[in-house]
Each structure stands twice: as structure tokens, then as C-alpha cells.
């Protein structure tokens, strides 16, 4: 019932949704970069046993360029290391933002629909158990 909520409650909810959205964006970017890192791992694994003078093709700015394995492999390894560093930073940022979101949620007693429904089911089960014990 957001319509009935006070402006303060709406601001609290807005902040929570913003934090939640930021976490979702971090997860999306992390997933994307993990796939890219895995592709780099596959390329490194494929190129490593090849002769350094063998032709290798690399996509640079949307253009396929012919180089040698000796020229391509170091840049692929460096790119993979950079991706790994960015992934590590994003993981830390996600953990910090998730912690902030949990603190905000606890501080303002925010419950998601799933949590509210689970709590309601639990209360109904407890009432049913109480009713059964009174009958017995």
C-alpha cells in the first residue's frame, strides 16, 4: 500500500529499491565479466601450446586483425588479468552494497512480499497447530 504510505515511508522504500537495483546491476555486470574471463581462459588455453610464429587473429575495435600467437597471447593474458581485477572490485562493491541494503532493511523493518507471505503462512500453521492441540 505505497499510496497510503507517508512521504517518509516512501523515501525509505525508494532508497531500499535503489540499493536493490544497484545490487542487481552489480550481479549482471559480474556475470557478464565472468563469461568474458572464461572466454579469455579458453583462448589462452588454446593458444599456449601453439607455435609462437603461427598466425592468430584478434578482434580489435570491431576489426579482425592478423597477428602471430607471440603478439596476441601476451595481450590476451593481460586483458584477462584486468578483467579479474575488475571482477574482484565489483565483488567487493556488491558485498558492501548488499550489507548496506541489509542494514537499511533491518533498520526500517522492510519486508519483501515473499518474506511477508512466508511469515503469514507460518502464523497460519501455528494457529492450526494451536487449534488441533485444543481439540485433542
N, C-alpha and C. Protein backbone atom coordinates (compact mmCIF):
# COMPACT_ATOMS: atom_id res chain seq x y z
N UNK A 1 0.82 -1.17 0.00
CA UNK A 1 0.00 0.00 0.00
C UNK A 1 0.87 1.25 0.00
N UNK A 2 1.62 1.43 -1.06
CA UNK A 2 2.52 2.56 -1.17
C UNK A 2 1.73 3.86 -1.22
N UNK A 3 0.51 3.82 -1.79
CA UNK A 3 -0.30 5.04 -1.89
C UNK A 3 -0.64 5.58 -0.51
N UNK A 4 -0.81 4.69 0.47
CA UNK A 4 -1.19 5.10 1.81
C UNK A 4 0.02 5.45 2.68
N UNK A 5 1.21 5.16 2.19
CA UNK A 5 2.42 5.38 2.98
C UNK A 5 2.73 6.87 3.07
N UNK A 6 3.32 7.24 4.19
CA UNK A 6 3.71 8.64 4.38
C UNK A 6 4.91 8.95 3.48
N UNK A 7 5.19 10.23 3.27
CA UNK A 7 6.35 10.58 2.44
C UNK A 7 7.66 10.00 2.97
N UNK A 8 7.79 9.93 4.30
CA UNK A 8 9.00 9.34 4.89
C UNK A 8 9.11 7.86 4.53
N UNK A 9 7.99 7.15 4.62
CA UNK A 9 7.99 5.73 4.29
C UNK A 9 8.30 5.53 2.81
N UNK A 10 7.76 6.41 1.98
CA UNK A 10 8.04 6.30 0.55
C UNK A 10 9.52 6.55 0.26
N UNK A 11 10.12 7.50 0.97
CA UNK A 11 11.55 7.78 0.79
C UNK A 11 12.39 6.59 1.23
N UNK A 12 12.00 5.96 2.33
CA UNK A 12 12.72 4.78 2.83
C UNK A 12 12.62 3.65 1.81
N UNK A 13 11.41 3.44 1.30
CA UNK A 13 11.19 2.38 0.32
C UNK A 13 11.94 2.68 -0.98
N UNK A 14 11.94 3.94 -1.38
CA UNK A 14 12.66 4.34 -2.59
C UNK A 14 14.15 4.06 -2.45
N UNK A 15 14.70 4.39 -1.30
CA UNK A 15 16.14 4.15 -1.03
C UNK A 15 16.43 2.65 -1.08
N UNK A 16 15.55 1.83 -0.48
CA UNK A 16 15.74 0.38 -0.48
C UNK A 16 15.70 -0.15 -1.92
N UNK A 17 14.73 0.30 -2.70
CA UNK A 17 14.62 -0.16 -4.08
C UNK A 17 15.84 0.26 -4.90
N UNK A 18 16.37 1.44 -4.61
CA UNK A 18 17.57 1.91 -5.29
C UNK A 18 18.76 1.01 -4.95
N UNK A 19 18.92 0.68 -3.68
CA UNK A 19 20.01 -0.22 -3.27
C UNK A 19 19.85 -1.59 -3.91
N UNK A 20 18.62 -2.08 -3.94
CA UNK A 20 18.34 -3.38 -4.53
C UNK A 20 18.68 -3.37 -6.03
N UNK A 21 18.31 -2.29 -6.70
CA UNK A 21 18.59 -2.16 -8.13
C UNK A 21 20.10 -2.10 -8.38
N UNK A 22 20.83 -1.39 -7.54
CA UNK A 22 22.28 -1.31 -7.68
C UNK A 22 22.91 -2.69 -7.52
N UNK A 23 22.43 -3.45 -6.56
CA UNK A 23 22.95 -4.82 -6.35
C UNK A 23 22.68 -5.67 -7.59
N UNK A 24 21.48 -5.54 -8.14
CA UNK A 24 21.12 -6.30 -9.33
C UNK A 24 22.04 -5.93 -10.50
N UNK A 25 22.36 -4.65 -10.64
CA UNK A 25 23.25 -4.20 -11.71
C UNK A 25 24.66 -4.76 -11.51
N UNK A 26 25.13 -4.78 -10.27
CA UNK A 26 26.44 -5.37 -9.98
C UNK A 26 26.47 -6.84 -10.37
N UNK A 27 25.43 -7.57 -10.02
CA UNK A 27 25.36 -9.01 -10.33
C UNK A 27 25.38 -9.22 -11.84
N UNK A 28 24.63 -8.40 -12.57
CA UNK A 28 24.59 -8.51 -14.02
C UNK A 28 25.97 -8.27 -14.62
N UNK A 29 26.64 -7.24 -14.17
CA UNK A 29 27.97 -6.90 -14.70
C UNK A 29 28.99 -7.98 -14.32
N UNK A 30 28.90 -8.50 -13.10
CA UNK A 30 29.80 -9.56 -12.66
C UNK A 30 29.62 -10.80 -13.54
N UNK A 31 28.38 -11.16 -13.81
CA UNK A 31 28.10 -12.32 -14.65
C UNK A 31 28.67 -12.12 -16.05
N UNK A 32 28.47 -10.94 -16.59
CA UNK A 32 28.99 -10.62 -17.92
C UNK A 32 30.52 -10.72 -17.96
N UNK A 33 31.17 -10.17 -16.96
CA UNK A 33 32.64 -10.21 -16.93
C UNK A 33 33.18 -11.61 -16.66
N UNK A 34 32.45 -12.42 -15.88
CA UNK A 34 32.88 -13.80 -15.66
C UNK A 34 32.85 -14.59 -16.96
N UNK A 35 31.83 -14.35 -17.77
CA UNK A 35 31.76 -15.02 -19.08
C UNK A 35 32.93 -14.58 -19.96
N UNK A 36 33.23 -13.29 -19.95
CA UNK A 36 34.34 -12.77 -20.73
C UNK A 36 35.67 -13.34 -20.24
N UNK A 37 35.83 -13.44 -18.92
CA UNK A 37 37.05 -14.02 -18.36
C UNK A 37 37.20 -15.49 -18.79
N UNK A 38 36.08 -16.22 -18.77
CA UNK A 38 36.11 -17.63 -19.19
C UNK A 38 36.50 -17.75 -20.66
N UNK A 39 36.02 -16.82 -21.49
CA UNK A 39 36.41 -16.83 -22.90
C UNK A 39 37.91 -16.57 -23.04
N UNK A 40 38.43 -15.65 -22.26
CA UNK A 40 39.87 -15.38 -22.29
C UNK A 40 40.65 -16.61 -21.85
N UNK A 41 40.17 -17.30 -20.82
CA UNK A 41 40.83 -18.53 -20.35
C UNK A 41 40.89 -19.57 -21.47
N UNK A 42 39.79 -19.70 -22.20
CA UNK A 42 39.73 -20.66 -23.30
C UNK A 42 40.72 -20.28 -24.40
N UNK A 43 40.80 -19.00 -24.73
CA UNK A 43 41.74 -18.55 -25.76
C UNK A 43 43.18 -18.79 -25.31
N UNK A 44 43.48 -18.48 -24.06
CA UNK A 44 44.83 -18.70 -23.53
C UNK A 44 45.19 -20.18 -23.58
N UNK A 45 44.25 -21.01 -23.16
CA UNK A 45 44.47 -22.47 -23.16
C UNK A 45 44.70 -22.98 -24.58
N UNK A 46 43.99 -22.39 -25.54
CA UNK A 46 44.12 -22.82 -26.93
C UNK A 46 45.42 -22.34 -27.56
N UNK A 47 45.81 -21.10 -27.27
CA UNK A 47 47.00 -20.52 -27.91
C UNK A 47 48.32 -20.97 -27.29
N UNK A 48 48.32 -21.29 -26.02
CA UNK A 48 49.57 -21.60 -25.31
C UNK A 48 50.39 -22.71 -25.97
N UNK A 49 49.79 -23.85 -26.35
CA UNK A 49 50.63 -24.91 -26.93
C UNK A 49 51.05 -24.66 -28.39
N UNK A 50 50.52 -23.64 -29.03
CA UNK A 50 50.82 -23.39 -30.44
C UNK A 50 52.19 -22.74 -30.62
N UNK A 51 52.70 -22.86 -31.82
CA UNK A 51 53.98 -22.24 -32.18
C UNK A 51 53.84 -20.72 -32.11
N UNK A 52 54.81 -20.02 -31.52
CA UNK A 52 54.72 -18.56 -31.41
C UNK A 52 54.64 -17.84 -32.76
N UNK A 53 55.12 -18.47 -33.82
CA UNK A 53 55.09 -17.82 -35.14
C UNK A 53 53.81 -18.09 -35.92
N UNK A 54 52.96 -18.93 -35.38
CA UNK A 54 51.71 -19.27 -36.06
C UNK A 54 50.78 -18.06 -36.12
N UNK A 55 50.04 -17.96 -37.19
CA UNK A 55 49.11 -16.84 -37.37
C UNK A 55 47.96 -16.96 -36.37
N UNK A 56 47.58 -15.82 -35.83
CA UNK A 56 46.45 -15.76 -34.91
C UNK A 56 45.66 -14.50 -35.25
N UNK A 57 44.37 -14.60 -35.12
CA UNK A 57 43.51 -13.46 -35.45
C UNK A 57 42.92 -12.90 -34.17
N UNK A 58 42.82 -11.58 -34.16
CA UNK A 58 42.31 -10.91 -32.96
C UNK A 58 41.35 -9.82 -33.39
N UNK A 59 40.26 -9.69 -32.65
CA UNK A 59 39.28 -8.65 -32.93
C UNK A 59 39.68 -7.39 -32.18
N UNK A 60 40.01 -6.33 -32.92
CA UNK A 60 40.43 -5.07 -32.32
C UNK A 60 39.49 -3.98 -32.81
N UNK A 61 38.68 -3.46 -31.90
CA UNK A 61 37.75 -2.39 -32.27
C UNK A 61 36.80 -2.78 -33.38
N UNK A 62 36.37 -4.02 -33.41
CA UNK A 62 35.43 -4.47 -34.42
C UNK A 62 36.09 -4.90 -35.72
N UNK A 63 37.42 -4.86 -35.78
CA UNK A 63 38.15 -5.25 -36.99
C UNK A 63 39.00 -6.48 -36.67
N UNK A 64 38.90 -7.49 -37.52
CA UNK A 64 39.69 -8.70 -37.34
C UNK A 64 41.10 -8.46 -37.89
N UNK A 65 42.10 -8.60 -37.02
CA UNK A 65 43.49 -8.29 -37.38
C UNK A 65 44.32 -9.57 -37.28
N UNK A 66 45.17 -9.78 -38.29
CA UNK A 66 46.04 -10.96 -38.27
C UNK A 66 47.35 -10.61 -37.59
N UNK A 67 47.72 -11.40 -36.61
CA UNK A 67 48.97 -11.25 -35.87
C UNK A 67 49.56 -12.66 -35.69
N UNK A 68 50.58 -12.75 -34.88
CA UNK A 68 51.13 -14.07 -34.53
C UNK A 68 50.70 -14.40 -33.10
N UNK A 69 50.80 -15.67 -32.76
CA UNK A 69 50.48 -16.11 -31.40
C UNK A 69 51.36 -15.35 -30.41
N UNK A 70 52.61 -15.15 -30.77
CA UNK A 70 53.56 -14.44 -29.90
C UNK A 70 53.09 -13.01 -29.61
N UNK A 71 52.44 -12.37 -30.55
CA UNK A 71 51.95 -11.00 -30.37
C UNK A 71 50.61 -10.96 -29.63
N UNK A 72 49.78 -11.94 -29.90
CA UNK A 72 48.41 -11.93 -29.36
C UNK A 72 48.34 -12.43 -27.93
N UNK A 73 49.05 -13.50 -27.63
CA UNK A 73 48.93 -14.15 -26.32
C UNK A 73 49.21 -13.22 -25.14
N UNK A 74 50.28 -12.41 -25.16
CA UNK A 74 50.51 -11.52 -24.01
C UNK A 74 49.36 -10.53 -23.77
N UNK A 75 48.78 -10.02 -24.84
CA UNK A 75 47.69 -9.06 -24.65
C UNK A 75 46.43 -9.75 -24.12
N UNK A 76 46.19 -10.98 -24.54
CA UNK A 76 45.04 -11.73 -24.03
C UNK A 76 45.24 -12.02 -22.54
N UNK A 77 46.45 -12.40 -22.17
CA UNK A 77 46.76 -12.67 -20.76
C UNK A 77 46.59 -11.40 -19.93
N UNK A 78 47.06 -10.28 -20.46
CA UNK A 78 46.93 -9.00 -19.75
C UNK A 78 45.46 -8.60 -19.61
N UNK A 79 44.69 -8.76 -20.68
CA UNK A 79 43.26 -8.44 -20.62
C UNK A 79 42.55 -9.31 -19.59
N UNK A 80 42.92 -10.58 -19.54
CA UNK A 80 42.30 -11.48 -18.58
C UNK A 80 42.62 -11.05 -17.15
N UNK A 81 43.84 -10.61 -16.92
CA UNK A 81 44.24 -10.13 -15.59
C UNK A 81 43.46 -8.87 -15.22
N UNK A 82 43.27 -7.98 -16.19
CA UNK A 82 42.49 -6.76 -15.95
C UNK A 82 41.04 -7.09 -15.63
N UNK A 83 40.47 -8.03 -16.36
CA UNK A 83 39.09 -8.45 -16.10
C UNK A 83 38.97 -9.03 -14.70
N UNK A 84 39.95 -9.85 -14.31
CA UNK A 84 39.94 -10.45 -12.97
C UNK A 84 40.00 -9.38 -11.89
N UNK A 85 40.80 -8.33 -12.12
CA UNK A 85 40.91 -7.24 -11.14
C UNK A 85 39.59 -6.48 -11.03
N UNK A 86 38.97 -6.22 -12.16
CA UNK A 86 37.68 -5.52 -12.15
C UNK A 86 36.63 -6.38 -11.45
N UNK A 87 36.65 -7.67 -11.72
CA UNK A 87 35.71 -8.59 -11.07
C UNK A 87 35.87 -8.56 -9.55
N UNK A 88 37.11 -8.56 -9.10
CA UNK A 88 37.37 -8.52 -7.66
C UNK A 88 36.81 -7.23 -7.05
N UNK A 89 37.03 -6.11 -7.72
CA UNK A 89 36.50 -4.83 -7.23
C UNK A 89 34.97 -4.83 -7.21
N UNK A 90 34.36 -5.36 -8.27
CA UNK A 90 32.90 -5.41 -8.32
C UNK A 90 32.33 -6.30 -7.22
N UNK A 91 33.02 -7.42 -6.94
CA UNK A 91 32.57 -8.31 -5.86
C UNK A 91 32.58 -7.57 -4.53
N UNK A 92 33.66 -6.81 -4.29
CA UNK A 92 33.75 -6.04 -3.04
C UNK A 92 32.66 -4.99 -2.97
N UNK A 93 32.42 -4.32 -4.09
CA UNK A 93 31.37 -3.30 -4.13
C UNK A 93 29.99 -3.92 -3.90
N UNK A 94 29.77 -5.10 -4.48
CA UNK A 94 28.49 -5.79 -4.30
C UNK A 94 28.30 -6.18 -2.84
N UNK A 95 29.36 -6.70 -2.21
CA UNK A 95 29.27 -7.08 -0.80
C UNK A 95 28.95 -5.86 0.06
N UNK A 96 29.61 -4.74 -0.22
CA UNK A 96 29.37 -3.52 0.56
C UNK A 96 27.94 -3.03 0.36
N UNK A 97 27.48 -3.04 -0.88
CA UNK A 97 26.12 -2.55 -1.17
C UNK A 97 25.08 -3.50 -0.59
N UNK A 98 25.34 -4.80 -0.64
CA UNK A 98 24.41 -5.77 -0.06
C UNK A 98 24.32 -5.58 1.45
N UNK A 99 25.47 -5.34 2.08
CA UNK A 99 25.48 -5.08 3.52
C UNK A 99 24.70 -3.83 3.85
N UNK A 100 24.90 -2.79 3.06
CA UNK A 100 24.16 -1.53 3.26
C UNK A 100 22.66 -1.76 3.10
N UNK A 101 22.30 -2.57 2.10
CA UNK A 101 20.88 -2.85 1.86
C UNK A 101 20.29 -3.64 3.03
N UNK A 102 21.02 -4.62 3.55
CA UNK A 102 20.53 -5.41 4.68
C UNK A 102 20.37 -4.55 5.92
N UNK A 103 21.34 -3.66 6.15
CA UNK A 103 21.24 -2.76 7.30
C UNK A 103 20.03 -1.84 7.16
N UNK A 104 19.83 -1.30 5.98
CA UNK A 104 18.70 -0.40 5.72
C UNK A 104 17.38 -1.15 5.92
N UNK A 105 17.36 -2.38 5.43
CA UNK A 105 16.16 -3.22 5.55
C UNK A 105 15.85 -3.50 7.01
N UNK A 106 16.86 -3.84 7.79
CA UNK A 106 16.66 -4.14 9.21
C UNK A 106 16.30 -2.88 9.99
N UNK A 107 16.98 -1.79 9.69
CA UNK A 107 16.75 -0.53 10.41
C UNK A 107 15.32 -0.04 10.23
N UNK A 108 14.78 -0.21 9.03
CA UNK A 108 13.45 0.31 8.73
C UNK A 108 12.38 -0.78 8.68
N UNK A 109 12.74 -1.99 9.12
CA UNK A 109 11.81 -3.11 9.20
C UNK A 109 11.08 -3.33 7.87
N UNK A 110 11.85 -3.42 6.81
CA UNK A 110 11.29 -3.65 5.47
C UNK A 110 11.21 -5.15 5.24
N UNK A 111 10.07 -5.58 4.71
CA UNK A 111 9.88 -6.99 4.38
C UNK A 111 9.48 -7.09 2.91
N UNK A 112 10.09 -8.04 2.21
CA UNK A 112 9.69 -8.27 0.82
C UNK A 112 8.37 -9.03 0.83
N UNK A 113 7.72 -9.09 -0.31
CA UNK A 113 6.45 -9.82 -0.38
C UNK A 113 6.64 -11.28 -0.01
N UNK A 114 7.73 -11.87 -0.47
CA UNK A 114 7.99 -13.29 -0.16
C UNK A 114 8.14 -13.50 1.34
N UNK A 115 8.86 -12.59 1.98
CA UNK A 115 9.05 -12.70 3.43
C UNK A 115 7.73 -12.52 4.17
N UNK A 116 6.93 -11.56 3.73
CA UNK A 116 5.64 -11.31 4.37
C UNK A 116 4.72 -12.51 4.19
N UNK A 117 4.72 -13.10 2.99
CA UNK A 117 3.88 -14.27 2.74
C UNK A 117 4.36 -15.47 3.56
N UNK A 118 5.65 -15.66 3.66
CA UNK A 118 6.20 -16.76 4.46
C UNK A 118 5.84 -16.58 5.93
N UNK A 119 5.93 -15.36 6.41
CA UNK A 119 5.57 -15.06 7.80
C UNK A 119 4.08 -15.34 8.04
N UNK A 120 3.25 -14.97 7.08
CA UNK A 120 1.80 -15.21 7.19
C UNK A 120 1.51 -16.71 7.20
N UNK A 121 2.16 -17.47 6.33
CA UNK A 121 1.96 -18.93 6.31
C UNK A 121 2.39 -19.55 7.64
N UNK A 122 3.49 -19.08 8.18
CA UNK A 122 3.98 -19.60 9.45
C UNK A 122 2.96 -19.32 10.56
N UNK A 123 2.41 -18.13 10.58
CA UNK A 123 1.41 -17.78 11.59
C UNK A 123 0.16 -18.65 11.43
N UNK A 124 -0.26 -18.90 10.19
CA UNK A 124 -1.43 -19.74 9.95
C UNK A 124 -1.17 -21.17 10.43
N UNK A 125 0.02 -21.68 10.18
CA UNK A 125 0.36 -23.03 10.63
C UNK A 125 0.36 -23.11 12.15
N UNK A 126 0.88 -22.08 12.80
CA UNK A 126 0.89 -22.05 14.26
C UNK A 126 -0.53 -22.03 14.80
N UNK A 127 -1.41 -21.26 14.16
CA UNK A 127 -2.82 -21.21 14.60
C UNK A 127 -3.48 -22.57 14.42
N UNK A 128 -3.18 -23.24 13.31
CA UNK A 128 -3.75 -24.56 13.08
C UNK A 128 -3.26 -25.55 14.12
N UNK A 129 -1.99 -25.50 14.46
CA UNK A 129 -1.44 -26.39 15.47
C UNK A 129 -2.07 -26.11 16.84
N UNK A 130 -2.27 -24.83 17.15
CA UNK A 130 -2.91 -24.48 18.42
C UNK A 130 -4.35 -25.00 18.44
N UNK A 131 -5.05 -24.88 17.32
CA UNK A 131 -6.43 -25.37 17.23
C UNK A 131 -6.50 -26.88 17.38
N UNK A 132 -5.54 -27.58 16.82
CA UNK A 132 -5.51 -29.03 16.92
C UNK A 132 -5.20 -29.47 18.34
N UNK A 133 -4.31 -28.76 19.01
CA UNK A 133 -3.95 -29.14 20.37
C UNK A 133 -5.10 -28.86 21.33
N UNK A 134 -5.91 -27.82 21.05
CA UNK A 134 -7.06 -27.52 21.91
C UNK A 134 -8.15 -28.57 21.74
N UNK A 135 -8.31 -29.10 20.53
CA UNK A 135 -9.31 -30.12 20.25
C UNK A 135 -8.92 -31.43 20.91
N UNK A 136 -7.66 -31.74 20.94
CA UNK A 136 -7.18 -33.01 21.49
C UNK A 136 -7.20 -32.95 22.97
